[in-house]
N, C-alpha and C. Protein backbone atom coordinates (compact mmCIF):
# COMPACT_ATOMS: atom_id res chain seq x y z
N MET A 1 103.98 106.45 107.14
CA MET A 1 105.42 106.23 107.17
C MET A 1 105.69 104.74 107.31
N SER A 2 106.48 104.24 106.43
CA SER A 2 106.79 102.82 106.42
C SER A 2 107.78 102.45 107.51
N VAL A 3 107.67 101.22 107.97
CA VAL A 3 108.64 100.66 108.90
C VAL A 3 109.90 100.31 108.11
N LEU A 4 109.73 99.74 106.94
CA LEU A 4 110.85 99.45 106.07
C LEU A 4 111.16 100.68 105.22
N THR A 5 112.38 100.77 104.77
CA THR A 5 112.77 101.92 103.96
C THR A 5 112.59 101.61 102.48
N ILE A 6 112.56 102.67 101.70
CA ILE A 6 112.47 102.49 100.26
C ILE A 6 113.72 101.77 99.75
N GLU A 7 114.84 101.99 100.42
CA GLU A 7 116.08 101.30 100.05
C GLU A 7 115.94 99.78 100.27
N ASP A 8 115.26 99.38 101.37
CA ASP A 8 115.01 97.96 101.61
C ASP A 8 114.22 97.36 100.45
N ALA A 9 113.18 98.07 100.04
CA ALA A 9 112.32 97.58 98.96
C ALA A 9 113.07 97.51 97.64
N LYS A 10 113.85 98.54 97.35
CA LYS A 10 114.60 98.56 96.09
C LYS A 10 115.67 97.47 96.06
N LEU A 11 116.32 97.25 97.18
CA LEU A 11 117.32 96.18 97.26
C LEU A 11 116.66 94.81 97.05
N HIS A 12 115.50 94.63 97.66
CA HIS A 12 114.78 93.36 97.52
C HIS A 12 114.43 93.06 96.06
N GLN A 13 114.03 94.09 95.34
CA GLN A 13 113.63 93.92 93.94
C GLN A 13 114.77 94.20 92.96
N LYS A 14 115.94 94.50 93.49
CA LYS A 14 117.11 94.80 92.65
C LYS A 14 116.83 95.99 91.72
N ILE A 15 116.25 97.03 92.28
CA ILE A 15 115.95 98.25 91.54
C ILE A 15 117.11 99.21 91.78
N ASP A 16 117.72 99.69 90.70
CA ASP A 16 118.90 100.54 90.86
C ASP A 16 118.72 101.95 90.29
N HIS A 17 117.49 102.41 90.26
CA HIS A 17 117.22 103.76 89.77
C HIS A 17 116.24 104.44 90.72
N ASP A 18 116.09 105.74 90.54
CA ASP A 18 115.19 106.52 91.40
C ASP A 18 113.94 106.98 90.67
N ASP A 19 113.74 106.51 89.46
CA ASP A 19 112.65 106.98 88.61
C ASP A 19 111.26 106.73 89.21
N GLU A 20 111.11 105.64 89.94
CA GLU A 20 109.79 105.24 90.43
C GLU A 20 109.66 105.35 91.94
N ASP A 21 110.46 106.14 92.58
CA ASP A 21 110.48 106.17 94.04
C ASP A 21 109.10 106.44 94.66
N SER A 22 108.34 107.32 94.08
CA SER A 22 107.01 107.62 94.61
C SER A 22 106.10 106.38 94.53
N ASP A 23 106.14 105.71 93.39
CA ASP A 23 105.35 104.50 93.20
C ASP A 23 105.83 103.38 94.12
N ILE A 24 107.13 103.26 94.26
CA ILE A 24 107.71 102.23 95.14
C ILE A 24 107.28 102.48 96.58
N GLN A 25 107.34 103.73 97.02
CA GLN A 25 106.94 104.04 98.40
C GLN A 25 105.47 103.73 98.62
N SER A 26 104.65 104.07 97.65
CA SER A 26 103.22 103.79 97.75
C SER A 26 102.96 102.28 97.87
N LYS A 27 103.63 101.49 97.06
CA LYS A 27 103.47 100.04 97.11
C LYS A 27 104.02 99.46 98.41
N LEU A 28 105.11 100.02 98.91
CA LEU A 28 105.67 99.56 100.18
C LEU A 28 104.71 99.84 101.32
N ASP A 29 104.13 101.04 101.33
CA ASP A 29 103.14 101.39 102.36
C ASP A 29 101.95 100.43 102.31
N ALA A 30 101.47 100.16 101.09
CA ALA A 30 100.34 99.24 100.92
C ALA A 30 100.70 97.84 101.38
N ALA A 31 101.91 97.39 101.07
CA ALA A 31 102.34 96.05 101.48
C ALA A 31 102.38 95.94 103.00
N GLU A 32 102.90 96.97 103.66
CA GLU A 32 102.95 96.93 105.13
C GLU A 32 101.55 96.88 105.72
N LEU A 33 100.66 97.71 105.21
CA LEU A 33 99.30 97.73 105.73
C LEU A 33 98.59 96.40 105.47
N MET A 34 98.80 95.83 104.31
CA MET A 34 98.14 94.58 103.99
C MET A 34 98.61 93.45 104.91
N VAL A 35 99.91 93.40 105.19
CA VAL A 35 100.42 92.38 106.11
C VAL A 35 99.90 92.64 107.51
N ALA A 36 99.90 93.91 107.95
CA ALA A 36 99.40 94.25 109.28
C ALA A 36 97.93 93.84 109.43
N GLN A 37 97.12 94.11 108.42
CA GLN A 37 95.71 93.73 108.50
C GLN A 37 95.55 92.22 108.53
N PHE A 38 96.37 91.50 107.78
CA PHE A 38 96.28 90.04 107.76
C PHE A 38 96.61 89.45 109.13
N ILE A 39 97.65 89.97 109.77
CA ILE A 39 98.03 89.41 111.07
C ILE A 39 97.23 90.03 112.22
N GLY A 40 96.50 91.10 111.94
CA GLY A 40 95.65 91.71 112.96
C GLY A 40 96.42 92.52 113.98
N ARG A 41 97.57 92.99 113.60
CA ARG A 41 98.39 93.78 114.52
C ARG A 41 99.34 94.67 113.73
N TYR A 42 99.58 95.85 114.28
CA TYR A 42 100.57 96.73 113.69
C TYR A 42 101.95 96.28 114.14
N PHE A 43 102.95 96.60 113.35
CA PHE A 43 104.33 96.32 113.74
C PHE A 43 105.12 97.62 113.63
N TYR A 44 106.14 97.70 114.45
CA TYR A 44 106.89 98.93 114.64
C TYR A 44 108.39 98.66 114.51
N PRO A 45 109.17 99.69 114.17
CA PRO A 45 110.59 99.48 113.97
C PRO A 45 111.36 99.14 115.24
N ASP A 46 110.85 99.59 116.40
CA ASP A 46 111.55 99.32 117.65
C ASP A 46 110.57 99.45 118.82
N GLN A 47 111.04 99.13 120.01
CA GLN A 47 110.19 99.15 121.20
C GLN A 47 109.70 100.56 121.52
N ASN A 48 110.52 101.58 121.28
CA ASN A 48 110.09 102.96 121.55
C ASN A 48 108.89 103.34 120.70
N ALA A 49 108.91 102.97 119.43
CA ALA A 49 107.78 103.27 118.54
C ALA A 49 106.53 102.53 118.99
N LEU A 50 106.70 101.29 119.42
CA LEU A 50 105.57 100.51 119.94
C LEU A 50 105.00 101.18 121.19
N ASN A 51 105.86 101.60 122.10
CA ASN A 51 105.41 102.29 123.32
C ASN A 51 104.69 103.59 123.00
N THR A 52 105.21 104.34 122.03
CA THR A 52 104.57 105.60 121.62
C THR A 52 103.17 105.34 121.07
N ALA A 53 103.04 104.30 120.25
CA ALA A 53 101.72 103.95 119.71
C ALA A 53 100.77 103.57 120.83
N PHE A 54 101.26 102.81 121.77
CA PHE A 54 100.44 102.39 122.91
C PHE A 54 99.97 103.60 123.71
N ASP A 55 100.84 104.59 123.85
CA ASP A 55 100.49 105.81 124.59
C ASP A 55 99.40 106.63 123.89
N GLN A 56 99.17 106.39 122.61
CA GLN A 56 98.17 107.14 121.83
C GLN A 56 96.77 106.56 121.94
N ILE A 57 96.62 105.43 122.59
CA ILE A 57 95.32 104.76 122.63
C ILE A 57 94.25 105.64 123.27
N ASP A 58 94.56 106.29 124.37
CA ASP A 58 93.55 107.15 125.03
C ASP A 58 93.10 108.27 124.11
N LEU A 59 94.04 108.88 123.40
CA LEU A 59 93.70 109.96 122.47
C LEU A 59 92.81 109.44 121.34
N ILE A 60 93.15 108.29 120.81
CA ILE A 60 92.34 107.66 119.75
C ILE A 60 90.92 107.41 120.26
N GLN A 61 90.82 106.89 121.47
CA GLN A 61 89.51 106.59 122.06
C GLN A 61 88.70 107.87 122.28
N GLN A 62 89.34 108.92 122.73
CA GLN A 62 88.64 110.19 122.96
C GLN A 62 88.10 110.75 121.64
N ARG A 63 88.92 110.73 120.60
CA ARG A 63 88.46 111.21 119.29
C ARG A 63 87.28 110.39 118.79
N PHE A 64 87.39 109.08 118.96
CA PHE A 64 86.31 108.20 118.53
C PHE A 64 85.01 108.55 119.26
N GLU A 65 85.06 108.68 120.57
CA GLU A 65 83.85 108.94 121.34
C GLU A 65 83.16 110.22 120.90
N THR A 66 83.93 111.25 120.58
CA THR A 66 83.35 112.50 120.09
C THR A 66 82.65 112.28 118.75
N GLU A 67 83.34 111.64 117.82
CA GLU A 67 82.75 111.39 116.50
C GLU A 67 81.56 110.45 116.58
N TYR A 68 81.67 109.44 117.42
CA TYR A 68 80.59 108.46 117.59
C TYR A 68 79.34 109.14 118.12
N GLN A 69 79.50 110.00 119.10
CA GLN A 69 78.35 110.68 119.68
C GLN A 69 77.68 111.61 118.67
N LYS A 70 78.46 112.30 117.87
CA LYS A 70 77.90 113.16 116.81
C LYS A 70 77.04 112.34 115.84
N LEU A 71 77.54 111.18 115.46
CA LEU A 71 76.78 110.33 114.54
C LEU A 71 75.50 109.81 115.20
N LEU A 72 75.58 109.44 116.46
CA LEU A 72 74.38 108.97 117.16
C LEU A 72 73.35 110.09 117.29
N ASP A 73 73.82 111.30 117.57
CA ASP A 73 72.91 112.45 117.67
C ASP A 73 72.20 112.69 116.34
N LYS A 74 72.91 112.58 115.24
CA LYS A 74 72.31 112.75 113.92
C LYS A 74 71.33 111.63 113.62
N SER A 75 71.62 110.42 114.10
CA SER A 75 70.75 109.29 113.80
C SER A 75 69.38 109.45 114.46
N GLU A 76 69.33 110.14 115.60
CA GLU A 76 68.06 110.35 116.30
C GLU A 76 67.14 111.26 115.49
N SER A 77 67.73 112.25 114.80
CA SER A 77 66.90 113.20 114.08
C SER A 77 66.74 112.88 112.60
N ASN A 78 67.62 112.09 112.04
CA ASN A 78 67.57 111.87 110.60
C ASN A 78 67.18 110.44 110.22
N SER A 79 68.14 109.59 110.11
CA SER A 79 67.84 108.27 109.55
C SER A 79 68.73 107.19 110.14
N LYS A 80 68.48 106.01 109.67
CA LYS A 80 69.27 104.85 110.10
C LYS A 80 70.69 104.90 109.53
N LEU A 81 70.90 105.72 108.51
CA LEU A 81 72.22 105.81 107.90
C LEU A 81 73.27 106.21 108.94
N TYR A 82 72.98 107.20 109.76
CA TYR A 82 73.94 107.65 110.76
C TYR A 82 74.17 106.60 111.84
N GLU A 83 73.13 105.85 112.14
CA GLU A 83 73.29 104.77 113.11
C GLU A 83 74.23 103.70 112.54
N LYS A 84 74.05 103.42 111.26
CA LYS A 84 74.92 102.45 110.59
C LYS A 84 76.36 102.96 110.54
N LEU A 85 76.51 104.24 110.23
CA LEU A 85 77.85 104.84 110.21
C LEU A 85 78.50 104.80 111.60
N ALA A 86 77.71 105.03 112.64
CA ALA A 86 78.23 104.99 114.01
C ALA A 86 78.71 103.58 114.35
N LYS A 87 77.95 102.57 113.96
CA LYS A 87 78.37 101.19 114.23
C LYS A 87 79.66 100.85 113.48
N GLN A 88 79.77 101.31 112.24
CA GLN A 88 80.99 101.07 111.47
C GLN A 88 82.17 101.79 112.11
N LYS A 89 81.94 103.01 112.56
CA LYS A 89 82.99 103.78 113.23
C LYS A 89 83.47 103.05 114.49
N LYS A 90 82.54 102.48 115.24
CA LYS A 90 82.89 101.73 116.45
C LYS A 90 83.73 100.51 116.10
N TYR A 91 83.31 99.78 115.07
CA TYR A 91 84.06 98.61 114.63
C TYR A 91 85.48 99.01 114.22
N ASP A 92 85.60 100.07 113.41
CA ASP A 92 86.91 100.52 112.94
C ASP A 92 87.80 100.94 114.11
N ASN A 93 87.22 101.65 115.05
CA ASN A 93 87.98 102.10 116.22
C ASN A 93 88.45 100.92 117.05
N ASP A 94 87.56 99.99 117.32
CA ASP A 94 87.92 98.81 118.10
C ASP A 94 89.03 98.01 117.40
N ARG A 95 88.93 97.91 116.09
CA ARG A 95 89.95 97.18 115.31
C ARG A 95 91.30 97.89 115.41
N GLN A 96 91.29 99.22 115.26
CA GLN A 96 92.55 99.96 115.33
C GLN A 96 93.21 99.81 116.70
N ILE A 97 92.42 99.93 117.75
CA ILE A 97 92.97 99.79 119.10
C ILE A 97 93.49 98.37 119.33
N SER A 98 92.75 97.39 118.86
CA SER A 98 93.20 96.00 118.99
C SER A 98 94.53 95.78 118.26
N MET A 99 94.68 96.37 117.08
CA MET A 99 95.91 96.22 116.31
C MET A 99 97.09 96.89 117.02
N ILE A 100 96.82 97.97 117.75
CA ILE A 100 97.88 98.62 118.52
C ILE A 100 98.21 97.79 119.76
N VAL A 101 97.18 97.39 120.49
CA VAL A 101 97.39 96.61 121.72
C VAL A 101 98.16 95.32 121.42
N ASN A 102 97.86 94.70 120.30
CA ASN A 102 98.54 93.46 119.91
C ASN A 102 99.82 93.72 119.11
N GLY A 103 100.21 94.98 119.01
CA GLY A 103 101.37 95.35 118.21
C GLY A 103 102.64 94.65 118.65
N LEU A 104 103.61 94.62 117.75
CA LEU A 104 104.89 94.02 118.05
C LEU A 104 105.99 94.71 117.27
N VAL A 105 107.19 94.52 117.72
CA VAL A 105 108.36 95.03 117.01
C VAL A 105 108.59 94.12 115.81
N ILE A 106 108.85 94.73 114.67
CA ILE A 106 109.05 93.94 113.45
C ILE A 106 110.18 92.94 113.66
N ASN A 107 110.01 91.79 113.04
CA ASN A 107 111.02 90.74 113.14
C ASN A 107 111.34 90.27 111.72
N PRO A 108 112.33 89.41 111.56
CA PRO A 108 112.73 89.00 110.20
C PRO A 108 111.61 88.34 109.38
N LEU A 109 110.72 87.60 110.02
CA LEU A 109 109.64 86.96 109.26
C LEU A 109 108.62 87.98 108.75
N ILE A 110 108.25 88.92 109.58
CA ILE A 110 107.30 89.95 109.13
C ILE A 110 107.97 90.81 108.06
N ARG A 111 109.23 91.13 108.26
CA ARG A 111 109.98 91.90 107.26
C ARG A 111 109.95 91.16 105.92
N ALA A 112 110.21 89.86 105.95
CA ALA A 112 110.18 89.06 104.72
C ALA A 112 108.79 89.07 104.10
N GLY A 113 107.75 88.96 104.93
CA GLY A 113 106.38 88.99 104.42
C GLY A 113 106.05 90.30 103.73
N VAL A 114 106.49 91.40 104.31
CA VAL A 114 106.25 92.72 103.69
C VAL A 114 106.99 92.82 102.37
N LEU A 115 108.24 92.39 102.35
CA LEU A 115 109.01 92.49 101.11
C LEU A 115 108.46 91.57 100.02
N LEU A 116 108.00 90.38 100.39
CA LEU A 116 107.37 89.50 99.40
C LEU A 116 106.09 90.13 98.84
N THR A 117 105.31 90.75 99.73
CA THR A 117 104.09 91.42 99.29
C THR A 117 104.43 92.60 98.39
N PHE A 118 105.42 93.38 98.80
CA PHE A 118 105.86 94.50 97.96
C PHE A 118 106.29 93.99 96.59
N GLY A 119 107.09 92.92 96.58
CA GLY A 119 107.56 92.37 95.31
C GLY A 119 106.40 91.94 94.41
N TYR A 120 105.39 91.38 95.02
CA TYR A 120 104.21 90.97 94.24
C TYR A 120 103.51 92.19 93.65
N PHE A 121 103.33 93.21 94.48
CA PHE A 121 102.74 94.47 93.99
C PHE A 121 103.57 95.04 92.84
N TYR A 122 104.85 95.07 93.03
CA TYR A 122 105.73 95.71 92.06
C TYR A 122 105.78 94.94 90.74
N GLU A 123 105.85 93.63 90.82
CA GLU A 123 105.99 92.83 89.61
C GLU A 123 104.69 92.65 88.85
N THR A 124 103.59 92.41 89.54
CA THR A 124 102.35 92.12 88.82
C THR A 124 101.63 93.38 88.39
N ARG A 125 101.69 94.41 89.23
CA ARG A 125 101.01 95.68 88.96
C ARG A 125 99.53 95.48 88.64
N GLU A 126 98.96 94.45 89.24
CA GLU A 126 97.55 94.16 89.06
C GLU A 126 96.87 94.16 90.42
N ASP A 127 95.56 94.27 90.40
CA ASP A 127 94.80 94.15 91.63
C ASP A 127 94.85 92.71 92.11
N PHE A 128 94.85 92.56 93.43
CA PHE A 128 94.68 91.23 94.00
C PHE A 128 93.96 91.37 95.32
N GLU A 129 93.16 90.38 95.63
CA GLU A 129 92.31 90.45 96.80
C GLU A 129 92.95 89.86 98.05
N ASP A 130 93.94 89.03 97.88
CA ASP A 130 94.48 88.30 99.01
C ASP A 130 96.01 88.29 98.91
N LEU A 131 96.63 88.07 100.04
CA LEU A 131 98.08 87.96 100.05
C LEU A 131 98.51 86.69 99.32
N PRO A 132 99.66 86.73 98.68
CA PRO A 132 100.19 85.51 98.08
C PRO A 132 100.41 84.44 99.17
N GLN A 133 100.28 83.18 98.82
CA GLN A 133 100.42 82.10 99.79
C GLN A 133 101.77 82.11 100.48
N SER A 134 102.81 82.48 99.76
CA SER A 134 104.15 82.52 100.37
C SER A 134 104.19 83.52 101.53
N VAL A 135 103.49 84.63 101.39
CA VAL A 135 103.44 85.62 102.46
C VAL A 135 102.66 85.07 103.65
N LYS A 136 101.52 84.45 103.37
CA LYS A 136 100.72 83.87 104.45
C LYS A 136 101.53 82.84 105.24
N ASN A 137 102.29 82.02 104.53
CA ASN A 137 103.10 81.01 105.20
C ASN A 137 104.11 81.64 106.15
N VAL A 138 104.67 82.77 105.78
CA VAL A 138 105.70 83.42 106.57
C VAL A 138 105.11 84.13 107.79
N VAL A 139 103.97 84.80 107.64
CA VAL A 139 103.45 85.64 108.73
C VAL A 139 102.34 84.98 109.54
N GLN A 140 101.86 83.84 109.12
CA GLN A 140 100.77 83.15 109.82
C GLN A 140 100.99 83.01 111.33
N PRO A 141 102.20 82.67 111.79
CA PRO A 141 102.39 82.50 113.23
C PRO A 141 102.13 83.76 114.07
N PHE A 142 102.06 84.91 113.44
CA PHE A 142 101.87 86.16 114.16
C PHE A 142 100.43 86.65 114.15
N ARG A 143 99.53 85.89 113.55
CA ARG A 143 98.13 86.31 113.48
C ARG A 143 97.48 86.24 114.86
N VAL A 144 96.58 87.19 115.09
CA VAL A 144 95.79 87.23 116.33
C VAL A 144 94.32 87.42 115.96
N ASP A 145 93.45 87.22 116.92
CA ASP A 145 92.01 87.43 116.74
C ASP A 145 91.45 86.66 115.56
N LEU A 146 91.76 85.38 115.51
CA LEU A 146 91.28 84.56 114.40
C LEU A 146 89.83 84.15 114.56
N GLY A 147 89.28 84.27 115.75
CA GLY A 147 87.90 83.87 115.96
C GLY A 147 87.79 82.36 116.12
N VAL A 148 86.58 81.90 115.92
CA VAL A 148 86.35 80.47 116.11
C VAL A 148 86.33 79.76 114.77
């Protein structure tokens, strides 16, 4: 579920028909996720949604521990593949929790970054590996976990 509405995206791109709503929603979802991954944090429509996400951390951790243990058990009897999968699962879980813990309520700059990304998806309709520079310039101040 997107933080921004399909109407926000259509207004941004001056789209006045409903023919592509499914495609527009898909691109909007992808734009939000791409911006969230770039800044290393999820964003939410309001403080209540952020609090709700924060309250889910224990449940996420419990699910992870169950799945992680199953993979480790398989790795003892089978191969290194399950050990590798367990390590990847741990990395993914830690990343998801970090993105929730560092979450924030959407603000005008992040909103602009998502809409710029959506516009790029919508107009180019091509694969791209990185966010456009204009998006990076807008959302850079919100990045976390940059490392050394």
